[in-house]
């Protein structure tokens, strides 16, 4: 028979957060953003995104603390099939539209762009015969869409030749990047 362990905590020990816990709900759990999705929050929320050649655009209004992100696979929708945020031109448009619907002030919006890596050595070779790889085309689409919308890009970490894990705060615009 194995011994049982009994632990009794007093009132102060029960209410004290453990080192791995936090009372800030935005830091306690993060919304995982899959490719082809857009996420908006008017409340403090963390968004977690894992990227390779995909790109992520994170936009927030620092005054109203409203923010969101999109994670897309391909740069442009060709008009065939269903329009989807799997495509950068659609994804960034949807993200900006939803932010404005949620009450963000267009003049206050700021952006960060991530991803667009080239994870395969054979595609990184410099040659005039090779067109830009998918990741660089995704980033170019994101930057062009933000420029057309006159949203300043305050930070970009793009073209890394490894995966990235992004944790973005919708209320503050803070981002933590981990190279995988």
Protein backbone atom coordinates (compact mmCIF):
# COMPACT_ATOMS: atom_id res chain seq x y z
CA UNK A 1 0.00 0.00 0.00
CA UNK A 2 1.44 3.38 -1.02
CA UNK A 3 1.39 6.28 1.44
CA UNK A 4 -1.01 9.15 0.81
CA UNK A 5 0.10 12.73 0.95
CA UNK A 6 -2.21 15.23 2.53
CA UNK A 7 -1.63 18.94 2.18
CA UNK A 8 -3.62 21.53 4.07
CA UNK A 9 -3.34 25.16 3.10
CA UNK A 10 -4.27 28.13 5.21
CA UNK A 11 -6.38 30.97 3.80
CA UNK A 12 -3.40 33.11 2.74
CA UNK A 13 -1.66 30.21 0.98
CA UNK A 14 -4.81 29.33 -0.97
CA UNK A 15 -5.22 32.84 -2.37
CA UNK A 16 -1.57 33.47 -3.26
CA UNK A 17 -0.81 32.80 -6.94
CA UNK A 18 1.68 30.10 -7.74
CA UNK A 19 4.71 31.17 -9.82
CA UNK A 20 3.18 29.53 -12.90
CA UNK A 21 -0.16 31.30 -12.41
CA UNK A 22 -1.17 34.85 -13.06
CA UNK A 23 -4.19 36.91 -12.20
CA UNK A 24 -4.04 38.66 -15.57
CA UNK A 25 -6.40 36.63 -17.80
CA UNK A 26 -4.63 37.82 -20.94
CA UNK A 27 -1.43 36.15 -19.78
CA UNK A 28 -3.00 33.07 -18.21
CA UNK A 29 -4.36 31.65 -21.46
CA UNK A 30 -3.71 32.59 -25.04
CA UNK A 31 -6.02 32.22 -28.02
CA UNK A 32 -4.23 29.99 -30.56
CA UNK A 33 -4.57 31.49 -34.03
CA UNK A 34 -4.56 28.90 -36.82
CA UNK A 35 -3.64 29.71 -40.41
CA UNK A 36 -6.55 31.32 -42.21
CA UNK A 37 -8.02 32.91 -39.08
CA UNK A 38 -8.56 36.44 -37.82
CA UNK A 39 -8.95 37.26 -34.12
CA UNK A 40 -10.07 40.56 -32.56
CA UNK A 41 -10.49 41.49 -28.90
CA UNK A 42 -11.63 44.65 -27.14
CA UNK A 43 -10.35 43.11 -23.90
CA UNK A 44 -6.84 42.20 -22.80
CA UNK A 45 -6.06 38.92 -24.56
CA UNK A 46 -2.93 37.09 -25.62
CA UNK A 47 -2.80 35.53 -29.08
CA UNK A 48 -0.38 32.69 -29.84
CA UNK A 49 0.76 32.09 -33.43
CA UNK A 50 3.27 29.61 -34.87
CA UNK A 51 4.79 30.61 -38.21
CA UNK A 52 7.10 29.32 -40.92
CA UNK A 53 6.54 30.74 -44.40
CA UNK A 54 3.12 32.03 -43.29
CA UNK A 55 2.86 35.63 -42.16
CA UNK A 56 1.11 37.19 -39.19
CA UNK A 57 -0.09 40.76 -38.96
CA UNK A 58 -0.83 42.07 -35.47
CA UNK A 59 -2.63 45.42 -35.23
CA UNK A 60 -3.82 47.34 -32.18
CA UNK A 61 -5.13 50.70 -31.05
CA UNK A 62 -2.99 51.63 -28.02
CA UNK A 63 -5.46 54.30 -26.85
CA UNK A 64 -8.58 52.12 -26.82
CA UNK A 65 -6.67 48.89 -26.10
CA UNK A 66 -8.38 47.04 -28.94
CA UNK A 67 -6.29 44.69 -31.04
CA UNK A 68 -6.18 41.64 -33.19
CA UNK A 69 -4.15 39.44 -35.47
CA UNK A 70 -4.36 37.39 -38.61
CA UNK A 71 -2.29 34.42 -39.77
CA UNK A 72 -2.26 33.71 -43.50
CA UNK A 73 -0.77 31.09 -45.83
CA UNK A 74 -0.72 32.65 -49.29
CA UNK A 75 -0.23 36.22 -50.50
CA UNK A 76 -3.15 36.83 -52.87
CA UNK A 77 -6.61 35.48 -53.56
CA UNK A 78 -6.93 34.88 -57.31
CA UNK A 79 -10.71 35.43 -57.35
CA UNK A 80 -11.54 31.76 -57.78
CA UNK A 81 -13.45 29.86 -55.14
CA UNK A 82 -14.34 31.46 -51.85
CA UNK A 83 -12.60 34.56 -50.55
CA UNK A 84 -10.81 33.53 -47.36
CA UNK A 85 -8.35 34.93 -44.79
CA UNK A 86 -6.01 32.15 -45.90
CA UNK A 87 -4.89 34.83 -48.39
CA UNK A 88 -2.95 37.88 -47.18
CA UNK A 89 -4.85 40.51 -49.15
CA UNK A 90 -8.16 39.21 -47.77
CA UNK A 91 -6.84 38.57 -44.24
CA UNK A 92 -5.43 42.06 -43.68
CA UNK A 93 -8.59 43.70 -45.06
CA UNK A 94 -10.80 41.58 -42.78
CA UNK A 95 -8.57 42.29 -39.76
CA UNK A 96 -8.71 46.06 -40.27
CA UNK A 97 -12.47 46.02 -40.93
CA UNK A 98 -13.15 44.00 -37.76
CA UNK A 99 -10.92 46.27 -35.66
CA UNK A 100 -12.87 49.33 -36.80
CA UNK A 101 -16.18 47.54 -36.15
CA UNK A 102 -14.95 46.78 -32.61
CA UNK A 103 -14.36 50.50 -32.01
CA UNK A 104 -10.68 51.00 -32.81
CA UNK A 105 -9.65 54.45 -34.08
CA UNK A 106 -8.09 54.12 -37.55
CA UNK A 107 -5.69 56.99 -36.81
CA UNK A 108 -4.33 55.23 -33.73
CA UNK A 109 -3.71 51.80 -35.28
CA UNK A 110 -0.19 50.38 -35.19
CA UNK A 111 1.08 47.13 -36.73
CA UNK A 112 3.69 44.44 -36.27
CA UNK A 113 4.52 41.87 -38.95
CA UNK A 114 6.06 38.44 -38.37
CA UNK A 115 6.93 35.26 -40.28
CA UNK A 116 7.66 34.89 -43.95
CA UNK A 117 10.50 32.49 -43.40
CA UNK A 118 12.13 30.25 -45.93
CA UNK A 119 12.59 26.96 -44.13
CA UNK A 120 14.14 24.97 -46.99
CA UNK A 121 17.80 25.43 -47.93
CA UNK A 122 17.15 24.74 -51.61
CA UNK A 123 14.78 27.71 -51.83
CA UNK A 124 17.24 30.10 -50.15
CA UNK A 125 19.81 29.88 -52.92
CA UNK A 126 20.38 33.28 -54.49
CA UNK A 127 19.84 33.15 -58.21
CA UNK A 128 18.28 35.53 -60.65
CA UNK A 129 16.25 32.57 -62.00
CA UNK A 130 14.38 32.05 -58.73
CA UNK A 131 11.31 34.10 -57.95
CA UNK A 132 10.94 35.35 -54.38
CA UNK A 133 10.00 32.49 -52.07
CA UNK A 134 6.49 32.19 -50.64
CA UNK A 135 7.44 33.65 -47.26
CA UNK A 136 8.87 36.84 -48.74
CA UNK A 137 5.80 37.24 -50.97
CA UNK A 138 3.56 36.87 -47.88
CA UNK A 139 5.50 39.59 -46.04
CA UNK A 140 5.45 41.89 -49.08
CA UNK A 141 1.65 41.52 -49.29
CA UNK A 142 1.26 42.32 -45.58
CA UNK A 143 3.47 45.41 -45.81
CA UNK A 144 1.77 46.63 -49.01
CA UNK A 145 -1.72 46.22 -47.53
CA UNK A 146 -0.72 48.10 -44.37
CA UNK A 147 0.94 50.87 -46.41
CA UNK A 148 -2.19 51.30 -48.56
CA UNK A 149 -4.29 51.52 -45.37
CA UNK A 150 -1.75 54.01 -43.92
CA UNK A 151 -1.17 51.86 -40.84
CA UNK A 152 2.39 52.38 -39.54
CA UNK A 153 4.44 49.23 -39.07
CA UNK A 154 6.33 49.75 -35.81
CA UNK A 155 8.09 46.40 -35.83
CA UNK A 156 8.77 43.49 -38.14
CA UNK A 157 10.67 40.29 -37.60
CA UNK A 158 10.48 38.52 -40.92
CA UNK A 159 12.43 36.18 -43.16
CA UNK A 160 13.84 34.09 -40.32
CA UNK A 161 14.94 30.71 -41.67
CA UNK A 162 13.34 28.86 -38.76
CA UNK A 163 9.88 28.74 -37.27
CA UNK A 164 8.65 31.48 -34.95
CA UNK A 165 6.25 31.37 -32.03
CA UNK A 166 4.59 34.74 -31.44
CA UNK A 167 2.64 35.71 -28.34
CA UNK A 168 0.90 39.05 -28.99
CA UNK A 169 -1.08 41.15 -26.49
CA UNK A 170 -4.16 42.75 -28.07
CA UNK A 171 -4.37 45.56 -25.50
CA UNK A 172 -0.75 46.74 -25.41
CA UNK A 173 0.71 45.49 -28.69
CA UNK A 174 3.52 43.75 -26.80
CA UNK A 175 4.90 40.71 -28.55
CA UNK A 176 7.24 37.96 -27.44
CA UNK A 177 8.96 36.06 -30.23
CA UNK A 178 10.60 32.68 -29.82
CA UNK A 179 12.64 31.17 -32.63
CA UNK A 180 11.87 27.44 -32.89
